[in-house]
Amino acid sequence: MSGTALGIISGSGIITYKRRVGHTMKDALVERWRHNLRSPLDLEAFSGVEVSFCTRNARRRRLMHLLGSDTMRNYLNTISFNWASEDCEHAFFKALRCPKLFRRFWKDHKDWQENVGNAVSTCLDALEETGIDDDSGELGALWVESFGGLGDSDGESDGEDHREGEVESPPGALVSQTPTAAKETDPSFCEEHIVTLFRSEHTWTGFLQDSEESLTMAIVGMTCLDFLHEKGYGRRCPGQRALANDASKSKGFPVLQTSLKLNESMLKDDKLKKEQVDSGRKAIWDAKDLKRGTSFSLGNHGTLKVLTASTRTCPVIAEWSAIKSDIMKEVKNVAINEKILGRPAERHHCEYIRGSWEAKPLPVLVMSKSAKVIFSNG
């Protein structure tokens, strides 16, 4: 089966890989790096999920953000990864701050490519164990915690100083509150866990998937992702609640921040308007008039139902619902429609991971239907 892995599209062309039937996008990615078919463009996809240890809110991130996190730094320290030099290690983590920096780093340091590629491959091998469980639909996230001499856990740098303009996290949605902490790590004080976010407590995890068209690798980070909405949606950082003297007993609902690539042929009277910005160089979606209850079909992966329209400081807030009937899943299955029934593929929207777009993907917060949150170690 021939497919475009990660939907990779760049100014220089399209990278296409062959993928065996039944292999997920995650399988293809890990195997490519394991067998020296390596491209820095793979790491630019929004295939990562960062879960806040503090609030359990989460957001889609580029894979390179996950690789540059303290969780993965700690992991490489724990296994005593053999760097070519300290300069190589330092330059690698610095370059992960943005796509342009990493592309330049990869091109300019061919003498380090094998060592750096091995570091990335080693991290991807560990992250392969994370993502959505096929049976339970629950999300597993890697957490490698390090402790300093006094037993204090280290914090995580958000690394947002060199953001690219391509579909980054929408401003004002999840506010990053990075705790101040020592950055020194000691492999002997690292603890590695696979943390499970139960579907009954984080219903948005069902929205994520590992398939031939979607990829999820997840980490737990020490960055607080604080979110508060005037209607009570969202989960706040306990520390921020204390500073604000918020005596409310409600802890709110954990949320996933991501974006949708919209199929314009399906948009009828959904109150979505395409708006030209940056002197007509870019198009975005104006969703401030979206009505509560508006549904976005995700094909055989369910629907997103709008809870609130977007505002100046907050994206569209929605809830995800699965298709409960296996028969309906088959009816909406693209392969069955096209190859067996001989009719056009089911039209639907999808989560944006990577690829070209005419209008910038629509930022959305997928809200959990449960306020109960418990972490368990796998």
Protein backbone atom coordinates (compact mmCIF):
# COMPACT_ATOMS: atom_id res chain seq x y z
CA MET A 1 0.00 0.00 0.00
CA SER A 2 1.45 3.35 -0.99
CA GLY A 3 0.71 6.29 1.26
CA THR A 4 2.02 9.66 2.30
CA ALA A 5 3.34 9.20 5.81
CA LEU A 6 2.40 12.03 8.18
CA GLY A 7 0.95 13.92 5.21
CA ILE A 8 4.34 15.55 4.76
CA ILE A 9 4.25 18.50 2.38
CA SER A 10 6.98 21.11 2.14
CA GLY A 11 8.06 23.80 -0.24
CA SER A 12 10.52 21.45 -1.88
CA GLY A 13 8.01 18.69 -2.56
CA ILE A 14 6.26 15.69 -1.06
CA ILE A 15 7.96 12.85 0.79
CA THR A 16 6.18 9.56 0.11
CA TYR A 17 6.93 6.25 1.84
CA LYS A 18 5.60 2.77 1.26
CA ARG A 19 3.65 1.37 4.15
CA ARG A 20 2.39 -2.16 4.62
CA VAL A 21 -1.34 -2.69 4.95
CA GLY A 22 -2.38 -2.66 8.60
CA HIS A 23 0.65 -0.69 9.74
CA THR A 24 -0.19 2.50 11.56
CA MET A 25 1.45 5.84 10.92
CA LYS A 26 3.29 5.34 14.22
CA ASP A 27 4.72 2.01 13.04
CA ALA A 28 5.92 3.64 9.82
CA LEU A 29 7.56 6.55 11.63
CA VAL A 30 9.42 4.40 14.16
CA GLU A 31 10.62 1.93 11.53
CA ARG A 32 11.90 4.66 9.20
CA TRP A 33 14.10 6.19 11.89
CA ARG A 34 15.16 2.75 13.11
CA HIS A 35 16.30 1.79 9.59
CA ASN A 36 18.07 5.07 8.73
CA LEU A 37 15.31 6.50 6.49
CA ARG A 38 15.43 9.76 8.41
CA SER A 39 14.04 13.18 7.62
CA PRO A 40 13.74 16.16 9.99
CA LEU A 41 10.36 16.89 8.39
CA ASP A 42 8.93 13.90 10.26
CA LEU A 43 9.41 15.76 13.52
CA GLU A 44 7.43 18.82 12.42
CA ALA A 45 4.09 17.02 12.49
CA PHE A 46 1.62 17.78 15.27
CA SER A 47 1.70 14.13 16.28
CA GLY A 48 2.62 14.68 19.91
CA VAL A 49 0.41 15.26 22.93
CA GLU A 50 1.68 17.06 26.03
CA VAL A 51 -0.28 16.36 29.21
CA SER A 52 0.13 18.73 32.14
CA PHE A 53 1.04 16.92 35.36
CA CYS A 54 -0.55 19.77 37.29
CA THR A 55 -3.95 20.19 35.62
CA ARG A 56 -4.26 17.14 33.32
CA ASN A 57 -5.14 19.53 30.51
CA ALA A 58 -3.39 18.57 27.27
CA ARG A 59 -2.46 20.01 23.91
CA ARG A 60 -1.28 18.80 20.54
CA ARG A 61 2.40 19.58 19.95
CA ARG A 62 4.99 18.99 17.28
CA LEU A 63 7.00 15.81 17.79
CA MET A 64 10.12 17.96 18.10
CA HIS A 65 8.58 19.66 21.13
CA LEU A 66 8.22 16.28 22.81
CA LEU A 67 11.81 15.37 21.94
CA GLY A 68 13.02 18.63 23.49
CA SER A 69 11.04 18.18 26.71
CA ASP A 70 12.61 17.39 30.05
CA THR A 71 10.79 14.05 30.00
CA MET A 72 12.85 12.93 26.99
CA ARG A 73 16.05 14.59 28.26
CA ASN A 74 15.64 12.62 31.46
CA TYR A 75 14.97 9.44 29.49
CA LEU A 76 18.19 9.79 27.49
CA ASN A 77 20.07 10.48 30.71
CA THR A 78 18.51 7.44 32.36
CA ILE A 79 19.69 5.07 29.63
CA SER A 80 23.09 6.86 29.47
CA PHE A 81 22.75 7.66 25.77
CA ASN A 82 26.20 8.11 24.22
CA TRP A 83 26.39 11.55 22.61
CA ALA A 84 29.11 12.34 20.08
CA SER A 85 30.06 15.29 22.26
CA GLU A 86 28.60 17.75 24.73
CA ASP A 87 28.45 20.32 21.93
CA CYS A 88 26.35 17.91 19.86
CA GLU A 89 23.92 17.30 22.72
CA HIS A 90 23.58 21.02 23.49
CA ALA A 91 23.10 21.97 19.83
CA PHE A 92 20.52 19.20 19.34
CA PHE A 93 18.22 20.37 22.13
CA LYS A 94 18.66 24.01 21.14
CA ALA A 95 17.71 23.23 17.53
CA LEU A 96 14.48 21.49 18.63
CA ARG A 97 13.02 24.87 19.57
CA CYS A 98 11.59 25.40 16.08
CA PRO A 99 11.43 23.67 12.67
CA LYS A 100 13.70 26.12 10.85
CA LEU A 101 16.43 25.77 13.45
CA PHE A 102 16.30 21.96 13.33
CA ARG A 103 16.32 21.79 9.53
CA ARG A 104 19.38 24.04 9.46
CA PHE A 105 21.05 22.05 12.24
CA TRP A 106 20.41 18.75 10.43
CA LYS A 107 21.77 20.11 7.14
CA ASP A 108 24.83 21.87 8.56
CA HIS A 109 26.06 19.09 10.86
CA LYS A 110 26.30 15.99 8.68
CA ASP A 111 29.03 14.67 10.97
CA TRP A 112 26.48 14.52 13.80
CA GLN A 113 23.53 13.20 11.77
CA GLU A 114 24.02 9.55 12.67
CA ASN A 115 24.39 10.26 16.40
CA VAL A 116 21.48 12.69 16.47
CA GLY A 117 19.37 10.33 14.37
CA ASN A 118 20.08 7.54 16.84
CA ALA A 119 19.00 9.80 19.71
CA VAL A 120 15.73 10.59 17.94
CA SER A 121 15.17 6.92 17.07
CA THR A 122 15.81 5.90 20.69
CA CYS A 123 13.24 8.44 21.90
CA LEU A 124 10.70 7.30 19.29
CA ASP A 125 11.18 3.69 20.43
CA ALA A 126 10.20 4.79 23.95
CA LEU A 127 7.31 6.93 22.74
CA GLU A 128 6.00 4.04 20.62
CA GLU A 129 4.68 2.55 23.87
CA THR A 130 2.51 5.64 24.41
CA GLY A 131 -0.66 6.72 22.65
CA ILE A 132 -4.13 5.22 22.41
CA ASP A 133 -4.68 1.65 23.58
CA ASP A 134 -6.46 -0.35 20.87
CA ASP A 135 -8.70 -2.17 23.34
CA SER A 136 -9.56 0.38 26.03
CA GLY A 137 -9.19 3.59 24.03
CA GLU A 138 -7.24 5.08 26.95
CA LEU A 139 -4.24 7.36 26.53
CA GLY A 140 -0.83 6.29 27.82
CA ALA A 141 1.79 9.01 28.33
CA LEU A 142 5.48 8.74 29.19
CA TRP A 143 6.67 10.46 32.35
CA VAL A 144 10.35 10.36 33.30
CA GLU A 145 10.83 12.39 36.44
CA SER A 146 14.22 13.42 37.77
CA PHE A 147 15.05 14.53 41.28
CA GLY A 148 17.87 16.80 42.40
CA GLY A 149 19.99 16.39 45.47
CA LEU A 150 17.16 17.57 47.72
CA GLY A 151 14.59 15.35 46.04
CA ASP A 152 12.89 18.20 44.19
CA SER A 153 11.37 17.43 40.82
CA ASP A 154 12.68 19.51 37.92
CA GLY A 155 10.51 21.76 35.76
CA GLU A 156 10.08 21.79 32.02
CA SER A 157 11.06 24.59 29.69
CA ASP A 158 8.30 25.38 27.23
CA GLY A 159 10.78 26.33 24.50
CA GLU A 160 8.46 28.80 22.78
CA ASP A 161 11.06 31.48 21.98
CA HIS A 162 11.30 30.51 18.32
CA ARG A 163 7.73 29.69 17.33
CA GLU A 164 6.83 29.12 13.72
CA GLY A 165 3.63 30.62 12.42
CA GLU A 166 2.15 27.36 11.11
CA VAL A 167 -0.80 26.25 13.21
CA GLU A 168 0.83 26.66 16.59
CA SER A 169 -1.15 26.51 19.81
CA PRO A 170 -3.83 29.24 19.68
CA PRO A 171 -3.06 32.13 22.05
CA GLY A 172 -5.18 32.45 25.16
CA ALA A 173 -6.46 28.89 25.10
CA LEU A 174 -4.21 27.09 27.53
CA VAL A 175 -1.99 29.40 29.55
CA SER A 176 1.46 27.96 30.29
CA GLN A 177 2.66 28.50 33.84
CA THR A 178 6.18 27.06 33.96
CA PRO A 179 7.34 26.36 37.52
CA THR A 180 10.78 27.54 38.57
CA ALA A 181 13.04 24.65 39.46
CA ALA A 182 16.59 23.37 39.19
CA LYS A 183 17.63 22.05 35.78
CA GLU A 184 20.38 19.73 36.97
CA THR A 185 19.53 16.08 36.44
CA ASP A 186 21.05 12.93 37.85
CA PRO A 187 20.23 9.62 36.12
CA SER A 188 20.29 7.82 39.45
CA PHE A 189 17.31 9.89 40.58
CA CYS A 190 15.08 9.32 37.54
CA GLU A 191 11.80 7.42 37.66
CA GLU A 192 10.07 6.23 34.50
CA HIS A 193 6.31 5.68 34.27
CA ILE A 194 3.64 5.11 31.66
CA VAL A 195 0.75 7.17 32.99
CA THR A 196 -2.75 6.12 31.97
CA LEU A 197 -5.53 8.66 31.46
CA PHE A 198 -8.70 6.66 31.95
CA ARG A 199 -11.38 7.08 29.30
CA SER A 200 -14.08 7.36 31.97
CA GLU A 201 -12.31 10.39 33.44
CA HIS A 202 -10.80 11.98 30.31
CA THR A 203 -13.44 11.41 27.67
CA TRP A 204 -11.53 13.53 25.14
CA THR A 205 -8.93 10.77 24.81
CA GLY A 206 -11.37 8.93 22.54
CA PHE A 207 -10.99 11.77 20.05
CA LEU A 208 -7.33 10.82 19.57
CA GLN A 209 -6.39 7.77 17.56
CA ASP A 210 -3.49 5.73 16.24
CA SER A 211 -4.28 4.63 12.72
CA GLU A 212 -2.94 4.69 9.17
CA GLU A 213 -3.93 8.35 9.00
CA SER A 214 -3.32 9.63 12.52
CA LEU A 215 -0.53 9.41 15.07
CA THR A 216 -0.36 10.02 18.82
CA MET A 217 2.74 9.95 21.00
CA ALA A 218 2.34 11.42 24.47
CA ILE A 219 4.38 12.70 27.40
CA VAL A 220 3.58 14.14 30.81
CA GLY A 221 5.25 17.50 31.41
CA MET A 222 5.73 19.72 34.42
CA THR A 223 4.40 22.78 32.59
CA CYS A 224 1.08 23.87 34.10
CA LEU A 225 -1.59 24.29 31.43
CA ASP A 226 -4.14 26.57 33.05
CA PHE A 227 -7.56 27.07 31.47
CA LEU A 228 -10.60 28.92 32.77
CA HIS A 229 -13.76 29.82 30.87
CA GLU A 230 -16.50 32.15 32.04
CA LYS A 231 -19.04 29.30 31.81
CA GLY A 232 -17.01 27.11 34.13
CA TYR A 233 -15.34 24.98 31.46
CA GLY A 234 -11.73 24.01 31.91
CA ARG A 235 -9.40 23.01 34.71
CA ARG A 236 -7.29 25.51 36.61
CA CYS A 237 -3.88 25.14 38.17
CA PRO A 238 -4.33 24.74 41.98
CA GLY A 239 -1.55 27.23 42.54
CA GLN A 240 -3.22 29.83 40.34
CA ARG A 241 -6.55 29.22 42.08
CA ALA A 242 -4.89 29.83 45.42
CA LEU A 243 -3.30 33.08 44.20
CA ALA A 244 -6.68 34.22 42.89
CA ASN A 245 -8.41 33.26 46.16
CA ASP A 246 -10.75 31.03 44.19
CA ALA A 247 -12.77 29.19 46.82
CA SER A 248 -14.80 27.21 44.26
CA LYS A 249 -14.93 23.50 45.01
CA SER A 250 -15.32 22.64 41.35
CA LYS A 251 -12.05 21.67 39.72
CA GLY A 252 -13.50 21.97 36.23
CA PHE A 253 -13.13 19.62 33.28
CA PRO A 254 -9.83 18.60 31.66
CA VAL A 255 -9.48 19.67 28.05
CA LEU A 256 -7.47 18.84 24.91
CA GLN A 257 -6.29 21.70 22.70
CA THR A 258 -6.00 20.80 19.02
CA SER A 259 -7.28 21.94 15.62
CA LEU A 260 -9.53 20.69 12.81
CA LYS A 261 -8.79 20.56 9.12
CA LEU A 262 -12.19 21.43 7.71
CA ASN A 263 -13.72 19.93 4.57
CA GLU A 264 -15.21 23.01 2.97
CA SER A 265 -17.60 20.98 0.81
CA MET A 266 -19.44 19.97 4.00
CA LEU A 267 -19.90 23.51 5.30
CA LYS A 268 -23.38 24.78 4.60
CA ASP A 269 -25.03 27.10 7.09
CA ASP A 270 -22.59 26.50 9.94
CA LYS A 271 -21.89 30.22 10.47
CA LEU A 272 -18.23 29.71 9.61
CA LYS A 273 -16.64 32.43 7.53
CA LYS A 274 -13.28 32.41 5.79
CA GLU A 275 -11.38 35.58 6.55
CA GLN A 276 -8.28 36.93 4.80
CA VAL A 277 -5.51 38.24 7.07
CA ASP A 278 -1.90 39.36 6.65
CA SER A 279 -2.80 41.44 3.57
CA GLY A 280 -4.51 38.46 1.97
CA ARG A 281 -1.56 36.09 2.38
CA LYS A 282 -3.36 33.82 4.86
CA ALA A 283 -6.95 32.65 5.40
CA ILE A 284 -8.45 31.82 8.80
CA TRP A 285 -11.87 30.68 10.00
CA ASP A 286 -14.11 33.12 11.84
CA ALA A 287 -16.11 30.92 14.25
CA LYS A 288 -17.55 33.53 16.60
CA ASP A 289 -21.10 33.00 15.26
CA LEU A 290 -21.11 29.21 15.57
CA LYS A 291 -24.26 27.98 17.31
CA ARG A 292 -24.25 25.64 20.28
CA GLY A 293 -25.04 22.11 19.07
CA THR A 294 -23.37 22.50 15.66
CA SER A 295 -21.79 19.15 14.74
CA PHE A 296 -18.60 18.42 12.85
CA SER A 297 -18.60 14.92 11.38
CA LEU A 298 -15.33 12.99 11.69
CA GLY A 299 -16.51 10.10 9.53
CA ASN A 300 -16.28 6.73 11.27
CA HIS A 301 -14.45 8.42 14.14
CA GLY A 302 -17.51 10.15 15.56
CA THR A 303 -18.52 13.79 15.84
CA LEU A 304 -17.56 17.00 17.61
CA LYS A 305 -20.48 19.01 18.98
CA VAL A 306 -20.00 22.71 19.69
CA LEU A 307 -20.54 23.92 23.26
CA THR A 308 -19.48 27.53 22.73
CA ALA A 309 -18.37 29.60 19.75
CA SER A 310 -14.90 31.09 19.62
CA THR A 311 -14.06 34.42 21.21
CA ARG A 312 -11.12 36.78 20.92
CA THR A 313 -9.23 34.85 23.60
CA CYS A 314 -10.67 31.33 23.36
CA PRO A 315 -11.12 28.83 20.50
CA VAL A 316 -14.29 26.83 19.83
CA ILE A 317 -15.13 24.53 22.76
CA ALA A 318 -16.62 21.16 21.79
CA GLU A 319 -17.37 17.65 23.08
CA TRP A 320 -16.47 14.48 21.21
CA SER A 321 -18.89 11.58 20.78
CA ALA A 322 -18.07 8.19 19.30
CA ILE A 323 -20.14 6.22 16.81
CA LYS A 324 -21.41 3.43 19.02
CA SER A 325 -22.70 1.11 16.33
CA ASP A 326 -20.10 -1.04 14.55
CA ILE A 327 -22.45 -1.20 11.57
CA MET A 328 -22.45 2.59 11.27
CA LYS A 329 -18.65 2.62 11.51
CA GLU A 330 -18.50 0.26 8.53
CA VAL A 331 -21.01 2.36 6.58
CA LYS A 332 -18.81 5.41 7.09
CA ASN A 333 -15.57 3.55 6.40
CA VAL A 334 -13.82 5.17 3.45
CA ALA A 335 -12.27 1.96 2.11
CA ILE A 336 -15.60 0.10 2.10
CA ASN A 337 -17.42 2.97 0.43
CA GLU A 338 -14.86 3.31 -2.34
CA LYS A 339 -13.67 -0.24 -2.98
CA ILE A 340 -16.64 -2.47 -2.13
CA LEU A 341 -19.76 -0.36 -2.47
CA GLY A 342 -18.37 1.64 -5.38
CA ARG A 343 -19.53 5.02 -4.14
CA PRO A 344 -17.67 8.20 -3.18
CA ALA A 345 -15.85 8.29 0.13
CA GLU A 346 -17.71 9.63 3.13
CA ARG A 347 -16.97 13.32 3.43
CA HIS A 348 -15.79 14.44 6.82
CA HIS A 349 -13.51 16.75 8.77
CA CYS A 350 -10.40 15.52 10.57
CA GLU A 351 -7.91 16.47 13.25
CA TYR A 352 -5.04 18.44 11.76
CA ILE A 353 -1.72 16.60 12.02
CA ARG A 354 0.27 17.74 9.01
CA GLY A 355 -0.30 18.76 5.41
CA SER A 356 -1.37 21.60 3.16
CA TRP A 357 -4.41 23.77 3.76
CA GLU A 358 -6.18 26.66 2.05
CA ALA A 359 -7.53 28.08 5.29
CA LYS A 360 -5.73 27.68 8.60
CA PRO A 361 -7.14 24.72 10.59
CA LEU A 362 -9.78 25.68 13.12
CA PRO A 363 -8.48 25.81 16.72
CA VAL A 364 -10.70 23.79 19.06
CA LEU A 365 -10.76 22.71 22.70
CA VAL A 366 -12.17 19.20 23.16
CA MET A 367 -13.80 19.11 26.59
CA SER A 368 -14.03 16.08 28.84
CA LYS A 369 -17.51 15.12 30.00
CA SER A 370 -16.18 14.12 33.41
CA ALA A 371 -14.57 16.29 36.09
CA LYS A 372 -13.16 13.29 37.91
CA VAL A 373 -9.44 12.87 37.31
CA ILE A 374 -7.13 10.17 38.65
CA PHE A 375 -3.63 9.23 37.50
CA SER A 376 -2.46 5.64 37.60
CA ASN A 377 0.93 4.22 36.77
CA GLY A 378 1.07 1.52 34.16
